[in-house]
Amino acid sequence: MDLARSVVIAPVMNDLTNQLIRRNPRPVASFDPTYFTPRESKIMKMLAEIFRETRGEDMSEVSHARRLPWDKVHAGGKGMLGSDS
């Protein structure tokens, strides 16, 4: 099934400033666990519990830290692995 038919991204606005605070994904189709193995389902449940209260900005900051895999693959933001240019 196409993701656009399964999930809607709803903007959440600040009531006072009318500025965008975040975007909330909301399901519009029922979850179908048959696409996942029991192991994958267990991992997804564990990750959902671990990161339930974590902000996306915080996860991005940690996962994109200097000298960690994301930074190395993207050559400091250039998006190239091992490029000398």
Protein backbone atom coordinates (compact mmCIF):
# COMPACT_ATOMS: atom_id res chain seq x y z
CA MET A 1 0.00 0.00 0.00
CA ASP A 2 1.21 3.50 -0.79
CA LEU A 3 2.39 5.47 2.25
CA ALA A 4 0.38 8.54 1.22
CA ARG A 5 -2.81 6.47 1.58
CA SER A 6 -1.72 5.16 4.98
CA VAL A 7 -0.41 8.26 6.79
CA VAL A 8 -1.31 11.95 6.89
CA ILE A 9 1.16 14.53 8.20
CA ALA A 10 -0.73 17.06 10.32
CA PRO A 11 0.90 20.39 11.21
CA VAL A 12 0.79 21.45 14.87
CA MET A 13 0.73 25.23 15.27
CA ASN A 14 1.50 27.45 18.27
CA ASP A 15 -1.82 28.96 19.41
CA LEU A 16 -0.23 32.31 20.30
CA THR A 17 2.18 32.88 17.42
CA ASN A 18 0.54 30.69 14.77
CA GLN A 19 4.01 29.31 13.97
CA LEU A 20 4.61 25.68 13.10
CA ILE A 21 5.76 23.73 16.15
CA ARG A 22 6.01 20.26 14.62
CA ARG A 23 4.37 17.85 12.22
CA ASN A 24 2.51 14.84 13.58
CA PRO A 25 2.13 11.73 11.46
CA ARG A 26 -1.36 10.26 11.85
CA PRO A 27 -2.44 6.87 10.54
CA VAL A 28 -5.45 6.79 8.21
CA ALA A 29 -5.20 3.03 7.59
CA SER A 30 -5.07 0.19 10.07
CA PHE A 31 -1.66 -1.26 10.93
CA ASP A 32 -1.00 -4.56 9.16
CA PRO A 33 1.56 -6.59 11.13
CA THR A 34 1.80 -9.26 8.41
CA TYR A 35 4.42 -7.17 6.62
CA PHE A 36 6.87 -7.75 9.49
CA THR A 37 8.57 -10.78 10.99
CA PRO A 38 8.06 -11.45 14.71
CA ARG A 39 11.63 -10.23 15.29
CA GLU A 40 11.00 -6.97 13.41
CA SER A 41 7.77 -6.42 15.37
CA LYS A 42 9.61 -6.93 18.65
CA ILE A 43 12.32 -4.44 17.62
CA MET A 44 9.74 -1.84 16.54
CA LYS A 45 7.90 -2.13 19.87
CA MET A 46 11.16 -1.75 21.78
CA LEU A 47 12.23 1.31 19.76
CA ALA A 48 8.79 2.90 20.11
CA GLU A 49 9.00 2.55 23.89
CA ILE A 50 12.58 3.84 24.10
CA PHE A 51 11.94 6.89 21.92
CA ARG A 52 8.29 7.60 22.84
CA GLU A 53 9.08 10.89 24.59
CA THR A 54 12.16 11.86 22.55
CA ARG A 55 12.03 14.84 20.23
CA GLY A 56 13.14 14.42 16.62
CA GLU A 57 15.63 17.28 17.04
CA ASP A 58 17.33 15.41 19.89
CA MET A 59 17.56 12.16 17.93
CA SER A 60 18.94 14.00 14.90
CA GLU A 61 21.55 15.81 16.97
CA VAL A 62 22.84 12.56 18.45
CA SER A 63 22.71 10.51 15.25
CA HIS A 64 24.39 13.23 13.16
CA ALA A 65 27.19 14.03 15.62
CA ARG A 66 30.68 14.64 14.27
CA ARG A 67 32.85 11.61 13.62
CA LEU A 68 29.92 9.20 13.93
CA PRO A 69 28.68 7.13 10.96
CA TRP A 70 26.27 9.74 9.53
CA ASP A 71 28.96 12.41 9.49
CA LYS A 72 31.52 10.04 7.98
CA VAL A 73 29.22 8.85 5.20
CA HIS A 74 28.16 12.35 4.31
CA ALA A 75 31.69 13.78 4.45
CA GLY A 76 30.83 16.60 6.80
CA GLY A 77 27.57 17.42 5.01
CA LYS A 78 28.78 17.09 1.41
CA GLY A 79 26.77 13.91 0.89
CA MET A 80 29.66 11.93 -0.59
CA LEU A 81 31.53 8.95 0.79
CA GLY A 82 35.27 9.20 0.42
CA SER A 83 35.19 12.17 -1.94
CA ASP A 84 38.34 14.28 -2.21
CA SER A 85 36.57 17.19 -3.92
